[in-house]
Amino acid sequence: MSYRDLRGYLQKIDDDLIRVEEPLDPQFEVAALLREAQDTGCAVLFENVKGYDRAKIAGNLFGSRKLAAVALETTEKDLAKTYIERKVQGLPPVDFKGAPPVQQVVIGEDIDLLKELPILTHHERDAAPYITSGLVVAKDPDGTKGALGIHRMMVHGPNRLGMLAATPPMTHFIANAEREKRPLEVAVILGADPATILASVVKVGPGGPEKFETAGALRGLPLELCRCKSVDLKVPAFAEVILEGRILPGIRESEGPFGENSGNYFTNVSPVIEIGLLTRREEILYPGLCPWTREVDNLLSLAAGTELLSQLQALFHGVVDLEMEPGTCGFKAICSVSGMKSTEVRRLIYHALSIDRRLKVLTVVDDDVNPRDAREVSWALATRFNPERDMVMMTGLEGYVIDTSSAGSAEGSKVGFDATSGGGSAFEKIKSP
């Protein structure tokens, strides 16, 4: 690994980095430009943020498969293969020897999150500025397990955040702490190296490596950790900002509306984090992750997509590739297969829709169709799919919390489309000799 932090990564992708020198406001303007820049496939560095002389904002860090490949120091062709192979290995972290590059500490009542950090307001109906790229670290109250994940956080006050916690193990840790009527210690990492960001969205099964071990495996270099100052947790030594705090037991506050990765506004009643200590570099790089963009598509494709692909390949010999459909928050996917009978395709659809609770619509195509080419997938559906014969409907399955079509229900329906040819010559795709 040729870089150990976010700054090193930006140096490595300098040819694919757009530098914005014009003064822009973290309220709406930065997010708007990030959304406009997503089609370039480049990362963006905002060097002049209004109201923040000691902060720059880096966004669209995974805005293309090329950037994701650079983050893992592999090729676009081998990106999924490299990710799948590395994420299950685990490389234990090490304690950092020496003083971390954090140069400023803010404590207690002196903390004013919006004064210290250029937290973005993304959309016109968002209730407040939101941290969208914070990696939250916690431990089960019994000390046996750890958690690392990205959770959206609404700024409730100078040192208070409302955190959406909808998935395990974080939901379990909060519940366990509340049973004991005590706060849950957490640390929020802002500006980690790209491999640690990727590790935070990895699905780790029972007996799998801890997330910091996964980060080390993805980096090919052990993650260097240092101990927090006010909570019993360890965090990456070379992060830009660390927020140390506690989730208050039994307290829930309205959180949202916020424009989510589904492309819709979502409101929840969420736990509250009280920040007791903030450490930061003198001049920070604040990571800006804009919801419902190609960057989110790439993160979901790399995390959820490759995970589902590896699971299906373990069950079905003919599975070739899988792509999460852009812009759908992982609700839709296209799977390409080779030499599978219609009965096998149907079994594959049942398995895939049952395995991934986020996935709602699965289209299966032959391997002569590129699952990343929307035109080819549409062609397969138009010419090889017969609704009466090739549609699989499933009901009563677990839904996803930000899927607005579920209307808040814990259950929903799912559908699969068999757009394979079944080997029939009438479905042969034309090609040049």
Protein backbone atom coordinates (compact mmCIF):
# COMPACT_ATOMS: atom_id res chain seq x y z
CA MET A 1 0.00 0.00 0.00
CA SER A 2 1.55 3.27 -1.11
CA TYR A 3 -0.63 5.52 1.07
CA ARG A 4 -1.71 5.40 4.70
CA ASP A 5 -4.35 8.13 4.83
CA LEU A 6 -6.85 10.13 2.80
CA ARG A 7 -4.21 12.71 1.87
CA GLY A 8 -1.98 10.07 0.35
CA TYR A 9 -4.90 8.73 -1.67
CA LEU A 10 -5.67 12.18 -3.08
CA GLN A 11 -2.05 12.53 -4.14
CA LYS A 12 -2.26 9.17 -5.87
CA ILE A 13 -5.37 10.14 -7.87
CA ASP A 14 -4.20 13.67 -8.69
CA ASP A 15 -4.79 13.14 -12.43
CA ASP A 16 -8.42 12.26 -11.65
CA LEU A 17 -8.96 15.05 -9.12
CA ILE A 18 -10.91 18.23 -9.85
CA ARG A 19 -9.74 21.14 -7.70
CA VAL A 20 -12.36 23.80 -7.01
CA GLU A 21 -10.89 27.13 -5.89
CA GLU A 22 -14.11 29.15 -6.06
CA PRO A 23 -15.62 29.86 -2.61
CA LEU A 24 -18.58 27.55 -2.04
CA ASP A 25 -21.00 27.22 0.85
CA PRO A 26 -21.39 23.85 2.64
CA GLN A 27 -25.11 24.59 2.65
CA PHE A 28 -26.34 23.22 -0.70
CA GLU A 29 -23.53 24.54 -2.95
CA VAL A 30 -20.89 21.87 -2.31
CA ALA A 31 -23.38 19.02 -2.61
CA ALA A 32 -24.84 20.51 -5.79
CA LEU A 33 -21.43 20.64 -7.46
CA LEU A 34 -20.62 17.10 -6.30
CA ARG A 35 -23.82 15.93 -7.95
CA GLU A 36 -22.94 17.79 -11.15
CA ALA A 37 -19.41 16.35 -11.16
CA GLN A 38 -20.45 12.72 -10.75
CA ASP A 39 -20.57 12.08 -14.50
CA THR A 40 -16.88 12.99 -14.81
CA GLY A 41 -15.79 9.99 -12.75
CA CYS A 42 -13.34 12.27 -10.94
CA ALA A 43 -12.92 13.03 -7.26
CA VAL A 44 -13.43 16.66 -6.23
CA LEU A 45 -11.44 18.77 -3.77
CA PHE A 46 -13.06 22.00 -2.55
CA GLU A 47 -10.16 24.21 -1.51
CA ASN A 48 -12.12 27.29 -0.45
CA VAL A 49 -15.09 26.50 1.80
CA LYS A 50 -17.07 29.51 2.97
CA GLY A 51 -16.75 30.03 6.71
CA TYR A 52 -13.98 27.46 7.17
CA ASP A 53 -10.41 28.68 6.79
CA ARG A 54 -8.95 25.45 8.19
CA ALA A 55 -10.96 22.90 6.23
CA LYS A 56 -11.19 21.54 2.72
CA ILE A 57 -13.83 19.10 1.50
CA ALA A 58 -13.00 15.99 -0.52
CA GLY A 59 -15.85 14.25 -2.33
CA ASN A 60 -16.70 11.71 -5.00
CA LEU A 61 -13.80 9.62 -3.69
CA PHE A 62 -15.27 6.45 -5.21
CA GLY A 63 -16.95 8.18 -8.14
CA SER A 64 -15.84 5.56 -10.66
CA ARG A 65 -14.70 1.96 -10.75
CA LYS A 66 -11.30 3.33 -11.73
CA LEU A 67 -11.03 5.27 -8.46
CA ALA A 68 -12.22 2.26 -6.47
CA ALA A 69 -9.54 0.16 -8.19
CA VAL A 70 -6.89 2.74 -7.30
CA ALA A 71 -8.07 2.64 -3.67
CA LEU A 72 -7.33 -1.10 -3.59
CA GLU A 73 -4.29 -0.78 -5.86
CA THR A 74 -5.68 -3.19 -8.43
CA THR A 75 -7.19 -2.94 -11.92
CA GLU A 76 -10.80 -2.27 -12.89
CA LYS A 77 -10.95 -5.74 -14.44
CA ASP A 78 -9.81 -7.41 -11.21
CA LEU A 79 -11.67 -5.08 -8.83
CA ALA A 80 -14.44 -7.46 -7.74
CA LYS A 81 -12.08 -10.45 -7.60
CA THR A 82 -9.54 -8.53 -5.50
CA TYR A 83 -12.21 -7.24 -3.15
CA ILE A 84 -13.78 -10.68 -2.63
CA GLU A 85 -10.41 -12.35 -2.00
CA ARG A 86 -9.06 -9.76 0.41
CA LYS A 87 -12.12 -8.98 2.51
CA VAL A 88 -12.33 -12.46 4.03
CA GLN A 89 -8.67 -12.70 4.97
CA GLY A 90 -8.27 -10.30 7.86
CA LEU A 91 -5.04 -8.56 8.79
CA PRO A 92 -4.95 -7.56 12.47
CA PRO A 93 -4.38 -3.87 13.25
CA VAL A 94 -1.35 -2.63 15.14
CA ASP A 95 -0.95 0.04 17.80
CA PHE A 96 0.53 3.20 16.34
CA LYS A 97 3.87 4.09 17.89
CA GLY A 98 4.32 7.80 18.32
CA ALA A 99 2.10 10.86 18.30
CA PRO A 100 -0.76 10.82 15.76
CA PRO A 101 -1.09 13.87 13.48
CA VAL A 102 -4.04 15.21 15.50
CA GLN A 103 -3.11 18.73 16.59
CA GLN A 104 -6.21 20.10 18.29
CA VAL A 105 -8.52 18.84 21.03
CA VAL A 106 -11.90 20.41 21.86
CA ILE A 107 -13.67 19.28 25.02
CA GLY A 108 -17.21 19.36 26.42
CA GLU A 109 -19.10 22.64 26.30
CA ASP A 110 -16.52 24.16 23.94
CA ILE A 111 -17.59 21.78 21.17
CA ASP A 112 -19.55 23.36 18.35
CA LEU A 113 -19.72 20.85 15.51
CA LEU A 114 -20.81 23.35 12.87
CA LYS A 115 -18.06 25.75 13.91
CA GLU A 116 -15.36 23.09 13.65
CA LEU A 117 -16.57 21.05 10.67
CA PRO A 118 -18.03 22.01 7.26
CA ILE A 119 -20.91 19.56 7.60
CA LEU A 120 -22.97 19.61 4.43
CA THR A 121 -26.63 20.38 3.90
CA HIS A 122 -27.42 18.34 0.81
CA HIS A 123 -31.05 18.80 -0.27
CA GLU A 124 -33.73 21.46 -0.12
CA ARG A 125 -35.94 19.59 2.37
CA ASP A 126 -33.19 18.24 4.62
CA ALA A 127 -34.00 19.13 8.22
CA ALA A 128 -30.41 20.08 9.09
CA PRO A 129 -26.78 19.55 8.09
CA TYR A 130 -25.95 15.83 7.96
CA ILE A 131 -22.76 13.84 8.43
CA THR A 132 -23.01 11.18 5.71
CA SER A 133 -19.47 9.81 5.73
CA GLY A 134 -18.91 9.20 9.43
CA LEU A 135 -17.61 5.74 10.34
CA VAL A 136 -19.04 4.84 13.73
CA VAL A 137 -17.00 2.58 16.04
CA ALA A 138 -18.55 0.84 19.04
CA LYS A 139 -18.20 -2.27 21.20
CA ASP A 140 -20.84 -4.57 22.60
CA PRO A 141 -21.22 -3.68 26.30
CA ASP A 142 -19.88 -7.13 27.21
CA GLY A 143 -16.70 -6.30 25.29
CA THR A 144 -16.81 -9.37 23.06
CA LYS A 145 -17.53 -7.80 19.68
CA GLY A 146 -16.85 -4.58 17.81
CA ALA A 147 -18.69 -2.67 15.11
CA LEU A 148 -17.65 -0.30 12.35
CA GLY A 149 -20.21 1.12 9.93
CA ILE A 150 -21.38 4.21 8.08
CA HIS A 151 -24.41 5.80 9.73
CA ARG A 152 -26.08 9.06 8.74
CA MET A 153 -26.07 11.66 11.52
CA MET A 154 -28.21 14.77 11.83
CA VAL A 155 -26.81 17.76 13.70
CA HIS A 156 -29.25 18.34 16.58
CA GLY A 157 -27.12 20.87 18.44
CA PRO A 158 -23.54 22.01 19.11
CA ASN A 159 -22.54 18.61 20.49
CA ARG A 160 -25.55 16.39 19.73
CA LEU A 161 -26.14 14.11 16.75
CA GLY A 162 -29.14 11.98 15.81
CA MET A 163 -27.88 8.70 14.32
CA LEU A 164 -29.88 6.35 12.11
CA ALA A 165 -29.14 2.88 13.46
CA ALA A 166 -31.14 0.35 11.46
CA THR A 167 -28.81 -2.64 11.05
CA PRO A 168 -26.90 -5.05 13.27
CA PRO A 169 -24.59 -5.21 15.05
CA MET A 170 -25.02 -1.55 16.02
CA THR A 171 -28.72 -2.05 16.80
CA HIS A 172 -27.82 -4.98 19.06
CA PHE A 173 -25.14 -3.00 20.89
CA ILE A 174 -27.54 -0.13 21.56
CA ALA A 175 -30.24 -2.51 22.81
CA ASN A 176 -27.77 -4.35 25.06
CA ALA A 177 -26.53 -1.08 26.59
CA GLU A 178 -30.08 0.16 27.16
CA ARG A 179 -31.00 -3.06 28.95
CA GLU A 180 -28.25 -2.16 31.40
CA LYS A 181 -29.48 1.46 31.44
CA ARG A 182 -26.11 2.84 30.49
CA PRO A 183 -24.78 4.86 27.55
CA LEU A 184 -22.95 3.18 24.68
CA GLU A 185 -19.52 4.61 23.97
CA VAL A 186 -18.89 5.46 20.32
CA ALA A 187 -16.28 7.17 18.18
CA VAL A 188 -17.03 8.77 14.82
CA ILE A 189 -14.20 8.69 12.27
CA LEU A 190 -14.15 11.41 9.63
CA GLY A 191 -11.57 11.28 6.86
CA ALA A 192 -10.26 7.72 7.07
CA ASP A 193 -8.19 6.13 4.34
CA PRO A 194 -10.27 4.64 1.48
CA ALA A 195 -9.67 1.00 2.46
CA THR A 196 -11.12 1.65 5.92
CA ILE A 197 -14.14 3.35 4.34
CA LEU A 198 -14.66 0.29 2.14
CA ALA A 199 -14.24 -2.03 5.13
CA SER A 200 -17.00 -0.19 6.97
CA VAL A 201 -19.57 -1.29 4.36
CA VAL A 202 -18.38 -4.92 4.15
CA LYS A 203 -20.82 -7.56 5.34
CA VAL A 204 -18.99 -9.72 7.87
CA GLY A 205 -20.61 -13.02 8.78
CA PRO A 206 -20.33 -14.94 12.06
CA GLY A 207 -16.73 -15.91 12.71
CA GLY A 208 -15.46 -13.48 10.09
CA PRO A 209 -12.73 -10.89 10.66
CA GLU A 210 -13.37 -7.67 12.58
CA LYS A 211 -13.83 -4.61 10.36
CA PHE A 212 -10.41 -3.13 11.24
CA GLU A 213 -8.89 -6.48 10.25
CA THR A 214 -10.81 -6.30 6.99
CA ALA A 215 -9.45 -2.79 6.43
CA GLY A 216 -5.92 -4.11 6.85
CA ALA A 217 -6.55 -6.93 4.38
CA LEU A 218 -8.01 -4.52 1.82
CA ARG A 219 -5.01 -2.21 2.29
CA GLY A 220 -2.48 -5.00 2.27
CA LEU A 221 -1.03 -3.24 5.31
CA PRO A 222 -2.09 -3.41 8.98
CA LEU A 223 -4.26 -0.50 10.05
CA GLU A 224 -2.52 1.67 12.65
CA LEU A 225 -4.78 2.44 15.61
CA CYS A 226 -4.53 4.76 18.59
CA ARG A 227 -6.62 4.83 21.74
CA CYS A 228 -9.33 7.43 22.19
CA LYS A 229 -8.93 9.99 24.96
CA SER A 230 -12.35 9.80 26.64
CA VAL A 231 -13.91 6.47 25.57
CA ASP A 232 -12.54 2.93 25.64
CA LEU A 233 -12.17 2.54 21.88
CA LYS A 234 -9.43 2.55 19.27
CA VAL A 235 -9.53 4.50 16.01
CA PRO A 236 -7.28 4.95 12.95
CA ALA A 237 -4.31 7.11 13.90
CA PHE A 238 -4.27 8.99 10.61
CA ALA A 239 -7.92 10.03 10.43
CA GLU A 240 -8.69 13.71 9.89
CA VAL A 241 -11.22 14.08 12.72
CA ILE A 242 -12.42 11.90 15.60
CA LEU A 243 -15.62 12.58 17.55
CA GLU A 244 -15.81 10.78 20.89
CA GLY A 245 -19.15 10.41 22.59
CA ARG A 246 -21.94 8.29 23.99
CA ILE A 247 -25.32 7.14 22.73
CA LEU A 248 -27.75 8.21 25.43
CA PRO A 249 -29.88 5.31 26.75
CA GLY A 250 -33.63 5.43 26.22
CA ILE A 251 -33.59 8.70 24.28
CA ARG A 252 -35.01 8.95 20.77
CA GLU A 253 -35.53 12.14 18.81
CA SER A 254 -37.02 12.93 15.42
CA GLU A 255 -34.29 12.66 12.78
CA GLY A 256 -34.99 13.94 9.29
CA PRO A 257 -36.36 14.42 6.76
CA PHE A 258 -33.19 13.65 4.85
CA GLY A 259 -32.66 12.85 1.18
CA GLU A 260 -31.52 9.23 1.34
CA ASN A 261 -29.62 6.94 -1.04
CA SER A 262 -32.99 5.74 -2.31
CA GLY A 263 -33.56 9.16 -3.87
CA ASN A 264 -36.43 9.88 -1.46
CA TYR A 265 -36.73 11.81 1.79
CA PHE A 266 -36.80 9.66 4.91
CA THR A 267 -37.63 10.55 8.51
CA ASN A 268 -36.99 8.39 11.55
CA VAL A 269 -36.97 8.49 15.33
CA SER A 270 -33.35 7.78 16.17
CA PRO A 271 -30.85 7.44 19.04
CA VAL A 272 -28.88 10.50 20.12
CA ILE A 273 -25.10 10.80 20.42
CA GLU A 274 -23.68 13.33 22.85
CA ILE A 275 -20.17 14.32 21.76
CA GLY A 276 -17.80 14.88 24.68
CA LEU A 277 -14.51 15.36 22.86
CA LEU A 278 -13.36 16.29 19.36
CA THR A 279 -9.85 15.78 18.01
CA ARG A 280 -8.77 17.11 14.63
CA ARG A 281 -5.81 18.02 12.52
CA GLU A 282 -5.00 21.71 12.37
CA GLU A 283 -6.19 21.82 8.75
CA ILE A 284 -8.63 19.06 7.88
CA LEU A 285 -9.90 17.22 4.85
CA TYR A 286 -13.61 16.70 5.48
CA PRO A 287 -15.11 13.81 3.47
CA GLY A 288 -18.29 14.75 1.64
CA LEU A 289 -20.41 11.78 0.56
CA CYS A 290 -23.43 12.90 -1.45
CA PRO A 291 -26.44 10.53 -1.29
CA TRP A 292 -27.97 9.00 -4.42
CA THR A 293 -24.93 9.54 -6.62
CA ARG A 294 -22.62 7.34 -8.66
CA GLU A 295 -20.25 7.24 -5.70
CA VAL A 296 -22.92 5.52 -3.63
CA ASP A 297 -23.66 3.23 -6.60
CA ASN A 298 -20.00 2.18 -6.72
CA LEU A 299 -19.79 1.59 -2.98
CA LEU A 300 -22.95 -0.53 -3.04
CA SER A 301 -21.80 -2.45 -6.10
CA LEU A 302 -18.46 -3.19 -4.51
CA ALA A 303 -19.84 -4.10 -1.09
CA ALA A 304 -23.34 -5.57 -1.48
CA GLY A 305 -22.87 -6.56 -5.12
CA THR A 306 -19.66 -8.54 -4.73
CA GLU A 307 -20.96 -10.13 -1.53
CA LEU A 308 -24.10 -11.39 -3.27
CA LEU A 309 -22.06 -12.50 -6.29
CA SER A 310 -19.71 -14.60 -4.15
CA GLN A 311 -22.65 -16.19 -2.29
CA LEU A 312 -24.45 -17.08 -5.52
CA GLN A 313 -21.28 -18.44 -7.13
CA ALA A 314 -20.84 -20.74 -4.15
CA LEU A 315 -24.36 -22.11 -4.73
CA PHE A 316 -24.65 -22.10 -8.53
CA HIS A 317 -21.91 -23.16 -10.92
CA GLY A 318 -23.11 -21.01 -13.83
CA VAL A 319 -23.11 -17.57 -12.17
CA VAL A 320 -20.74 -15.27 -14.09
CA ASP A 321 -21.22 -11.68 -12.91
CA LEU A 322 -23.56 -9.40 -10.98
CA GLU A 323 -24.16 -5.66 -11.02
CA MET A 324 -26.26 -3.53 -8.70
CA GLU A 325 -28.31 -1.30 -10.99
CA PRO A 326 -27.13 2.34 -10.68
CA GLY A 327 -29.42 4.75 -8.89
CA THR A 328 -31.50 2.08 -7.15
CA CYS A 329 -29.81 1.93 -3.72
CA GLY A 330 -29.13 -1.77 -4.26
CA PHE A 331 -32.83 -2.52 -4.67
CA LYS A 332 -32.29 -3.80 -8.25
CA ALA A 333 -29.58 -6.06 -9.66
CA ILE A 334 -28.67 -7.84 -12.89
CA CYS A 335 -27.03 -11.26 -12.76
CA SER A 336 -25.40 -12.89 -15.79
CA VAL A 337 -25.21 -16.69 -16.03
CA SER A 338 -23.89 -19.32 -18.40
CA GLY A 339 -25.53 -22.60 -19.40
CA MET A 340 -28.27 -22.58 -16.77
CA LYS A 341 -31.67 -24.19 -17.33
CA SER A 342 -34.82 -22.22 -16.57
CA THR A 343 -35.44 -24.27 -13.42
CA GLU A 344 -31.95 -23.41 -12.16
CA VAL A 345 -32.49 -19.73 -12.95
CA ARG A 346 -35.71 -19.82 -10.94
CA ARG A 347 -33.89 -21.35 -7.97
CA LEU A 348 -31.19 -18.70 -8.29
CA ILE A 349 -33.82 -15.95 -8.18
CA TYR A 350 -35.41 -17.43 -5.05
CA HIS A 351 -32.03 -17.66 -3.32
CA ALA A 352 -30.84 -14.16 -4.28
CA LEU A 353 -34.04 -12.41 -3.21
CA SER A 354 -34.00 -14.30 0.09
CA ILE A 355 -30.31 -13.73 0.85
CA ASP A 356 -30.20 -9.95 0.44
CA ARG A 357 -32.99 -8.09 2.23
CA ARG A 358 -32.15 -4.90 0.33
CA LEU A 359 -32.59 -6.54 -3.09
CA LYS A 360 -36.13 -6.24 -4.46
CA VAL A 361 -35.85 -6.78 -8.24
CA LEU A 362 -33.46 -9.25 -9.89
CA THR A 363 -33.01 -9.68 -13.64
CA VAL A 364 -31.07 -12.73 -14.86
CA VAL A 365 -29.44 -12.60 -18.30
CA ASP A 366 -27.12 -14.82 -20.32
CA ASP A 367 -23.40 -14.13 -20.38
CA ASP A 368 -23.69 -12.67 -23.89
CA VAL A 369 -25.34 -9.67 -22.20
CA ASN A 370 -23.22 -7.16 -20.29
CA PRO A 371 -24.97 -6.57 -16.93
CA ARG A 372 -23.40 -3.09 -16.79
CA ASP A 373 -24.87 -2.07 -20.16
CA ALA A 374 -28.46 -0.85 -19.64
CA ARG A 375 -29.18 -1.08 -23.38
CA GLU A 376 -28.21 -4.75 -23.56
CA VAL A 377 -30.17 -5.60 -20.41
CA SER A 378 -33.26 -3.85 -21.81
CA TRP A 379 -32.80 -5.79 -25.05
CA ALA A 380 -32.70 -9.10 -23.17
CA LEU A 381 -35.88 -8.21 -21.28
CA ALA A 382 -37.60 -7.11 -24.49
CA THR A 383 -36.70 -10.18 -26.56
CA ARG A 384 -36.10 -13.09 -24.17
CA PHE A 385 -38.51 -12.44 -21.30
CA ASN A 386 -42.11 -13.69 -21.34
CA PRO A 387 -44.01 -12.27 -18.31
CA GLU A 388 -46.41 -15.21 -18.11
CA ARG A 389 -43.59 -17.74 -18.09
CA ASP A 390 -40.49 -15.98 -16.78
CA MET A 391 -41.57 -13.82 -13.83
CA VAL A 392 -41.08 -14.97 -10.23
CA MET A 393 -43.02 -13.15 -7.50
CA MET A 394 -42.24 -13.56 -3.80
CA THR A 395 -44.22 -12.08 -0.91
CA GLY A 396 -43.82 -11.77 2.84
CA LEU A 397 -40.06 -11.18 2.72
CA GLU A 398 -38.09 -8.85 4.97
CA GLY A 399 -37.92 -5.36 3.51
CA TYR A 400 -35.44 -2.51 3.86
CA VAL A 401 -35.91 0.43 6.20
CA ILE A 402 -35.50 3.24 3.63
CA ASP A 403 -37.59 1.59 0.91
CA THR A 404 -40.52 4.00 0.68
CA SER A 405 -42.64 1.51 -1.30
CA SER A 406 -42.86 -0.67 1.81
CA ALA A 407 -44.69 2.15 3.61
CA GLY A 408 -42.87 1.43 6.85
CA SER A 409 -43.76 -2.26 6.86
CA ALA A 410 -41.18 -4.83 7.92
CA GLU A 411 -42.28 -7.03 5.02
CA GLY A 412 -42.58 -6.58 1.29
CA SER A 413 -42.79 -8.35 -2.05
CA LYS A 414 -39.98 -9.05 -4.49
CA VAL A 415 -39.79 -10.02 -8.14
CA GLY A 416 -37.36 -11.79 -10.44
CA PHE A 417 -37.16 -11.74 -14.24
CA ASP A 418 -35.66 -14.62 -16.21
CA ALA A 419 -34.35 -12.91 -19.35
CA THR A 420 -32.16 -15.82 -20.42
CA SER A 421 -32.55 -17.58 -23.75
CA GLY A 422 -32.69 -21.12 -22.45
CA GLY A 423 -30.31 -22.05 -25.26
CA GLY A 424 -32.89 -21.58 -28.00
CA SER A 425 -31.48 -20.58 -31.39
CA ALA A 426 -34.33 -18.11 -31.93
CA PHE A 427 -32.81 -15.96 -29.17
CA GLU A 428 -29.32 -15.82 -30.66
CA LYS A 429 -27.79 -12.36 -30.45
CA ILE A 430 -26.59 -10.90 -33.74
CA LYS A 431 -22.92 -10.07 -34.11
CA SER A 432 -20.39 -9.15 -36.74
CA PRO A 433 -18.20 -11.93 -38.13
